[in-house]
Amino acid sequence: SYLFLATGESELEPLLTRANILLSEQRRGAHGKVVSLTLCYAPYEDEAEGTLLLLPAYRVEYADGSASVVNALTGEKY
């Protein structure tokens, strides 16, 4: 079970576009044919507050079966 609560802060930055996500993957050296690029939510544990957050992210799937999850706000790879 999950309980979803609004945070005291809001994120005003827009999500990165799909093109930006693909470019960030390419800069990290990812190669291969992309077969799927979907918006998802990645768990992130805030140790300072002891909470688990679900952050918007993109899941990039490649033809060889590998996948990457990339933060949709910062471009950071998980």
C-alpha atoms as a PDB file:
ATOM      1  CA  SER A   1       0.000   0.000   0.000  1.00  0.00           C
ATOM      2  CA  TYR A   2       1.110   3.539  -0.721  1.00  0.00           C
ATOM      3  CA  LEU A   3      -0.016   6.822   0.753  1.00  0.00           C
ATOM      4  CA  PHE A   4       0.405   9.812  -1.535  1.00  0.00           C
ATOM      5  CA  LEU A   5       0.775  13.205   0.099  1.00  0.00           C
ATOM      6  CA  ALA A   6       1.459  16.611  -1.361  1.00  0.00           C
ATOM      7  CA  THR A   7       4.875  17.958  -0.484  1.00  0.00           C
ATOM      8  CA  GLY A   8       5.459  21.338   1.110  1.00  0.00           C
ATOM      9  CA  GLU A   9       7.453  22.367  -1.961  1.00  0.00           C
ATOM     10  CA  SER A  10       6.602  22.191  -5.609  1.00  0.00           C
ATOM     11  CA  GLU A  11       8.873  21.743  -8.581  1.00  0.00           C
ATOM     12  CA  LEU A  12       8.433  24.542 -11.084  1.00  0.00           C
ATOM     13  CA  GLU A  13      10.910  23.261 -13.660  1.00  0.00           C
ATOM     14  CA  PRO A  14       9.394  21.586 -16.716  1.00  0.00           C
ATOM     15  CA  LEU A  15      10.233  17.992 -17.528  1.00  0.00           C
ATOM     16  CA  LEU A  16      13.005  17.381 -20.030  1.00  0.00           C
ATOM     17  CA  THR A  17      11.782  16.521 -23.503  1.00  0.00           C
ATOM     18  CA  ARG A  18      12.211  13.079 -24.970  1.00  0.00           C
ATOM     19  CA  ALA A  19      14.839  14.470 -27.352  1.00  0.00           C
ATOM     20  CA  ASN A  20      16.855  15.824 -24.388  1.00  0.00           C
ATOM     21  CA  ILE A  21      16.687  12.429 -22.682  1.00  0.00           C
ATOM     22  CA  LEU A  22      17.946  10.667 -25.809  1.00  0.00           C
ATOM     23  CA  LEU A  23      20.761  13.209 -26.187  1.00  0.00           C
ATOM     24  CA  SER A  24      21.794  12.714 -22.550  1.00  0.00           C
ATOM     25  CA  GLU A  25      21.884   8.947 -23.113  1.00  0.00           C
ATOM     26  CA  GLN A  26      24.042   9.451 -26.206  1.00  0.00           C
ATOM     27  CA  ARG A  27      26.464  11.727 -24.290  1.00  0.00           C
ATOM     28  CA  ARG A  28      26.871   8.943 -21.710  1.00  0.00           C
ATOM     29  CA  GLY A  29      27.915   6.564 -24.467  1.00  0.00           C
ATOM     30  CA  ALA A  30      24.680   4.598 -24.911  1.00  0.00           C
ATOM     31  CA  HIS A  31      24.478   2.925 -28.313  1.00  0.00           C
ATOM     32  CA  GLY A  32      21.825   0.861 -29.988  1.00  0.00           C
ATOM     33  CA  LYS A  33      18.328   1.196 -31.343  1.00  0.00           C
ATOM     34  CA  VAL A  34      15.786   2.695 -28.920  1.00  0.00           C
ATOM     35  CA  VAL A  35      12.562   0.674 -29.046  1.00  0.00           C
ATOM     36  CA  SER A  36      10.641   2.422 -26.262  1.00  0.00           C
ATOM     37  CA  LEU A  37      10.767   5.690 -24.332  1.00  0.00           C
ATOM     38  CA  THR A  38       8.123   5.972 -21.619  1.00  0.00           C
ATOM     39  CA  LEU A  39       7.431   8.338 -18.743  1.00  0.00           C
ATOM     40  CA  CYS A  40       7.493   6.563 -15.376  1.00  0.00           C
ATOM     41  CA  TYR A  41       8.207   7.277 -11.716  1.00  0.00           C
ATOM     42  CA  ALA A  42      11.455   6.271 -10.033  1.00  0.00           C
ATOM     43  CA  PRO A  43      11.689   5.752  -6.258  1.00  0.00           C
ATOM     44  CA  TYR A  44      14.097   8.039  -4.435  1.00  0.00           C
ATOM     45  CA  GLU A  45      14.780   7.766  -0.708  1.00  0.00           C
ATOM     46  CA  ASP A  46      15.284  11.084   1.083  1.00  0.00           C
ATOM     47  CA  GLU A  47      17.445   9.915   3.976  1.00  0.00           C
ATOM     48  CA  ALA A  48      17.387  13.325   5.690  1.00  0.00           C
ATOM     49  CA  GLU A  49      13.598  13.217   6.055  1.00  0.00           C
ATOM     50  CA  GLY A  50      13.209   9.439   6.067  1.00  0.00           C
ATOM     51  CA  THR A  51      10.726   9.466   3.194  1.00  0.00           C
ATOM     52  CA  LEU A  52      10.417   7.691  -0.123  1.00  0.00           C
ATOM     53  CA  LEU A  53       9.643   9.945  -3.076  1.00  0.00           C
ATOM     54  CA  LEU A  54       8.477   8.992  -6.548  1.00  0.00           C
ATOM     55  CA  LEU A  55      10.216  11.251  -9.069  1.00  0.00           C
ATOM     56  CA  PRO A  56       9.232  11.602 -12.732  1.00  0.00           C
ATOM     57  CA  ALA A  57      11.631   9.723 -14.983  1.00  0.00           C
ATOM     58  CA  TYR A  58      11.913   8.233 -18.450  1.00  0.00           C
ATOM     59  CA  ARG A  59      12.559   4.545 -19.079  1.00  0.00           C
ATOM     60  CA  VAL A  60      14.616   4.040 -22.237  1.00  0.00           C
ATOM     61  CA  GLU A  61      14.522   0.493 -23.627  1.00  0.00           C
ATOM     62  CA  TYR A  62      16.961  -0.708 -26.272  1.00  0.00           C
ATOM     63  CA  ALA A  63      16.631  -3.437 -28.922  1.00  0.00           C
ATOM     64  CA  ASP A  64      19.222  -5.593 -27.118  1.00  0.00           C
ATOM     65  CA  GLY A  65      16.941  -5.783 -24.048  1.00  0.00           C
ATOM     66  CA  SER A  66      18.866  -3.319 -21.891  1.00  0.00           C
ATOM     67  CA  ALA A  67      17.143  -0.330 -20.296  1.00  0.00           C
ATOM     68  CA  SER A  68      17.992   2.956 -18.592  1.00  0.00           C
ATOM     69  CA  VAL A  69      15.966   5.085 -16.195  1.00  0.00           C
ATOM     70  CA  VAL A  70      16.707   8.807 -16.439  1.00  0.00           C
ATOM     71  CA  ASN A  71      15.451  11.566 -14.106  1.00  0.00           C
ATOM     72  CA  ALA A  72      13.004  13.712 -16.106  1.00  0.00           C
ATOM     73  CA  LEU A  73      14.003  16.908 -14.286  1.00  0.00           C
ATOM     74  CA  THR A  74      17.794  16.685 -14.126  1.00  0.00           C
ATOM     75  CA  GLY A  75      18.764  14.101 -16.762  1.00  0.00           C
ATOM     76  CA  GLU A  76      20.591  12.071 -14.095  1.00  0.00           C
ATOM     77  CA  LYS A  77      20.735   8.335 -14.818  1.00  0.00           C
ATOM     78  CA  TYR A  78      19.632   5.959 -12.056  1.00  0.00           C
END
